[in-house]
Amino acid sequence: MTVGRALKGSQIRFLRAKGHHLKPIALAGKDGLSEAFLQAVGTSLECHELIKVKLLETCAIDRHEAATELAEKTGSHLVQVLGRSILLYRAGEKRIIELPQ
């Protein structure tokens, strides 16, 4: 589910606060977690580092299963699952977000 070392509690709280006001970048619908969707999420993570993904009502996958699978397949950290929203973080080459120690 995570790449490298796991996030600390303070880092997770920091990312949750930063992600609170984000709008969902990707919407998963009836096609679920297709290759094209995973590729779009990966590209968004490269650009933004912290993104919110929304699972629509038509998405047949359980939200927690989808969140875990998304994190694994995109090489990102699962920060939060809140309702049908998933918050993911993956550090980029050029750090946009500086995590607290």
C-alpha atoms as a PDB file:
ATOM      1  CA  MET A   1       0.000   0.000   0.000  1.00  0.00           C
ATOM      2  CA  THR A   2       2.868   2.385   0.600  1.00  0.00           C
ATOM      3  CA  VAL A   3       6.112   3.151  -1.110  1.00  0.00           C
ATOM      4  CA  GLY A   4       9.283   3.507   0.944  1.00  0.00           C
ATOM      5  CA  ARG A   5       8.725   4.123   4.598  1.00  0.00           C
ATOM      6  CA  ALA A   6       5.312   4.468   6.163  1.00  0.00           C
ATOM      7  CA  LEU A   7       3.946   7.891   7.036  1.00  0.00           C
ATOM      8  CA  LYS A   8       3.973   9.015  10.662  1.00  0.00           C
ATOM      9  CA  GLY A   9       0.781  10.072  12.422  1.00  0.00           C
ATOM     10  CA  SER A  10       1.760  13.757  12.330  1.00  0.00           C
ATOM     11  CA  GLN A  11       2.422  13.515   8.580  1.00  0.00           C
ATOM     12  CA  ILE A  12      -0.965  11.874   7.976  1.00  0.00           C
ATOM     13  CA  ARG A  13      -2.715  14.616   9.973  1.00  0.00           C
ATOM     14  CA  PHE A  14      -0.795  17.259   7.990  1.00  0.00           C
ATOM     15  CA  LEU A  15      -1.816  15.692   4.651  1.00  0.00           C
ATOM     16  CA  ARG A  16      -5.447  15.282   5.746  1.00  0.00           C
ATOM     17  CA  ALA A  17      -5.561  18.995   6.604  1.00  0.00           C
ATOM     18  CA  LYS A  18      -4.033  19.939   3.219  1.00  0.00           C
ATOM     19  CA  GLY A  19      -6.417  17.621   1.371  1.00  0.00           C
ATOM     20  CA  HIS A  20      -9.570  18.804   3.112  1.00  0.00           C
ATOM     21  CA  HIS A  21     -10.370  21.531   0.565  1.00  0.00           C
ATOM     22  CA  LEU A  22      -9.206  19.669  -2.534  1.00  0.00           C
ATOM     23  CA  LYS A  23     -11.703  18.886  -5.256  1.00  0.00           C
ATOM     24  CA  PRO A  24     -11.673  15.331  -6.641  1.00  0.00           C
ATOM     25  CA  ILE A  25      -9.333  15.064  -9.625  1.00  0.00           C
ATOM     26  CA  ALA A  26     -10.490  11.630 -10.787  1.00  0.00           C
ATOM     27  CA  LEU A  27     -13.919   9.994 -10.667  1.00  0.00           C
ATOM     28  CA  ALA A  28     -14.290   6.201 -10.724  1.00  0.00           C
ATOM     29  CA  GLY A  29     -17.565   5.010 -12.211  1.00  0.00           C
ATOM     30  CA  LYS A  30     -18.987   1.818 -13.658  1.00  0.00           C
ATOM     31  CA  ASP A  31     -15.634   0.851 -15.246  1.00  0.00           C
ATOM     32  CA  GLY A  32     -14.059   0.774 -11.783  1.00  0.00           C
ATOM     33  CA  LEU A  33     -10.282   0.901 -11.602  1.00  0.00           C
ATOM     34  CA  SER A  34      -9.494   0.446 -15.272  1.00  0.00           C
ATOM     35  CA  GLU A  35      -5.974   0.801 -16.671  1.00  0.00           C
ATOM     36  CA  ALA A  36      -6.840   4.202 -18.143  1.00  0.00           C
ATOM     37  CA  PHE A  37      -8.169   5.376 -14.761  1.00  0.00           C
ATOM     38  CA  LEU A  38      -5.052   4.125 -12.941  1.00  0.00           C
ATOM     39  CA  GLN A  39      -2.850   5.863 -15.495  1.00  0.00           C
ATOM     40  CA  ALA A  40      -4.753   9.140 -15.014  1.00  0.00           C
ATOM     41  CA  VAL A  41      -4.406   8.876 -11.226  1.00  0.00           C
ATOM     42  CA  GLY A  42      -0.670   8.178 -11.575  1.00  0.00           C
ATOM     43  CA  THR A  43      -0.207  11.207 -13.806  1.00  0.00           C
ATOM     44  CA  SER A  44      -2.166  13.396 -11.387  1.00  0.00           C
ATOM     45  CA  LEU A  45       0.005  12.205  -8.493  1.00  0.00           C
ATOM     46  CA  GLU A  46       3.140  13.166 -10.452  1.00  0.00           C
ATOM     47  CA  CYS A  47       1.805  16.682 -10.942  1.00  0.00           C
ATOM     48  CA  HIS A  48       0.142  17.354  -7.578  1.00  0.00           C
ATOM     49  CA  GLU A  49       1.546  14.798  -5.054  1.00  0.00           C
ATOM     50  CA  LEU A  50      -1.695  14.932  -3.020  1.00  0.00           C
ATOM     51  CA  ILE A  51      -4.973  14.159  -4.776  1.00  0.00           C
ATOM     52  CA  LYS A  52      -8.547  13.299  -3.960  1.00  0.00           C
ATOM     53  CA  VAL A  53     -10.348  10.550  -5.889  1.00  0.00           C
ATOM     54  CA  LYS A  54     -14.129  10.116  -5.791  1.00  0.00           C
ATOM     55  CA  LEU A  55     -15.961   6.816  -6.240  1.00  0.00           C
ATOM     56  CA  LEU A  56     -19.317   7.339  -7.907  1.00  0.00           C
ATOM     57  CA  GLU A  57     -22.430   5.387  -6.919  1.00  0.00           C
ATOM     58  CA  THR A  58     -22.052   3.295 -10.080  1.00  0.00           C
ATOM     59  CA  CYS A  59     -18.644   1.994  -8.964  1.00  0.00           C
ATOM     60  CA  ALA A  60     -19.199  -1.632  -7.938  1.00  0.00           C
ATOM     61  CA  ILE A  61     -15.999  -2.007  -5.863  1.00  0.00           C
ATOM     62  CA  ASP A  62     -16.046  -1.580  -2.060  1.00  0.00           C
ATOM     63  CA  ARG A  63     -14.538   1.793  -1.163  1.00  0.00           C
ATOM     64  CA  HIS A  64     -11.878   0.380   1.183  1.00  0.00           C
ATOM     65  CA  GLU A  65     -10.855  -2.302  -1.309  1.00  0.00           C
ATOM     66  CA  ALA A  66     -10.713   0.311  -4.073  1.00  0.00           C
ATOM     67  CA  ALA A  67      -8.591   2.631  -1.908  1.00  0.00           C
ATOM     68  CA  THR A  68      -6.101  -0.113  -1.055  1.00  0.00           C
ATOM     69  CA  GLU A  69      -5.880  -1.267  -4.670  1.00  0.00           C
ATOM     70  CA  LEU A  70      -5.450   2.315  -5.913  1.00  0.00           C
ATOM     71  CA  ALA A  71      -2.609   2.948  -3.468  1.00  0.00           C
ATOM     72  CA  GLU A  72      -0.851  -0.299  -4.384  1.00  0.00           C
ATOM     73  CA  LYS A  73      -1.165   0.102  -8.140  1.00  0.00           C
ATOM     74  CA  THR A  74      -0.103   3.767  -8.164  1.00  0.00           C
ATOM     75  CA  GLY A  75       2.679   3.357  -5.606  1.00  0.00           C
ATOM     76  CA  SER A  76       1.156   5.930  -3.292  1.00  0.00           C
ATOM     77  CA  HIS A  77       0.267   6.281   0.381  1.00  0.00           C
ATOM     78  CA  LEU A  78      -3.376   5.917   1.351  1.00  0.00           C
ATOM     79  CA  VAL A  79      -3.958   8.951   3.575  1.00  0.00           C
ATOM     80  CA  GLN A  80      -7.714   8.765   4.156  1.00  0.00           C
ATOM     81  CA  VAL A  81     -10.971   7.158   3.086  1.00  0.00           C
ATOM     82  CA  LEU A  82     -13.895   9.391   3.957  1.00  0.00           C
ATOM     83  CA  GLY A  83     -17.239   8.371   2.531  1.00  0.00           C
ATOM     84  CA  ARG A  84     -16.629   7.766  -1.162  1.00  0.00           C
ATOM     85  CA  SER A  85     -13.584  10.056  -1.265  1.00  0.00           C
ATOM     86  CA  ILE A  86     -10.023   8.723  -1.201  1.00  0.00           C
ATOM     87  CA  LEU A  87      -6.998  10.867  -0.412  1.00  0.00           C
ATOM     88  CA  LEU A  88      -3.673   9.675  -1.886  1.00  0.00           C
ATOM     89  CA  TYR A  89      -0.127  11.004  -1.505  1.00  0.00           C
ATOM     90  CA  ARG A  90       3.020  10.228  -3.471  1.00  0.00           C
ATOM     91  CA  ALA A  91       6.141  12.374  -3.194  1.00  0.00           C
ATOM     92  CA  GLY A  92       7.356  13.695  -6.524  1.00  0.00           C
ATOM     93  CA  GLU A  93      10.873  14.318  -7.759  1.00  0.00           C
ATOM     94  CA  LYS A  94      10.410  18.045  -7.192  1.00  0.00           C
ATOM     95  CA  ARG A  95       8.852  18.149  -3.741  1.00  0.00           C
ATOM     96  CA  ILE A  96       5.784  20.364  -3.720  1.00  0.00           C
ATOM     97  CA  ILE A  97       4.675  19.357  -0.235  1.00  0.00           C
ATOM     98  CA  GLU A  98       7.194  19.342   2.608  1.00  0.00           C
ATOM     99  CA  LEU A  99       6.084  16.847   5.239  1.00  0.00           C
ATOM    100  CA  PRO A 100       6.723  17.561   8.925  1.00  0.00           C
ATOM    101  CA  GLN A 101       9.259  15.334  10.636  1.00  0.00           C
END
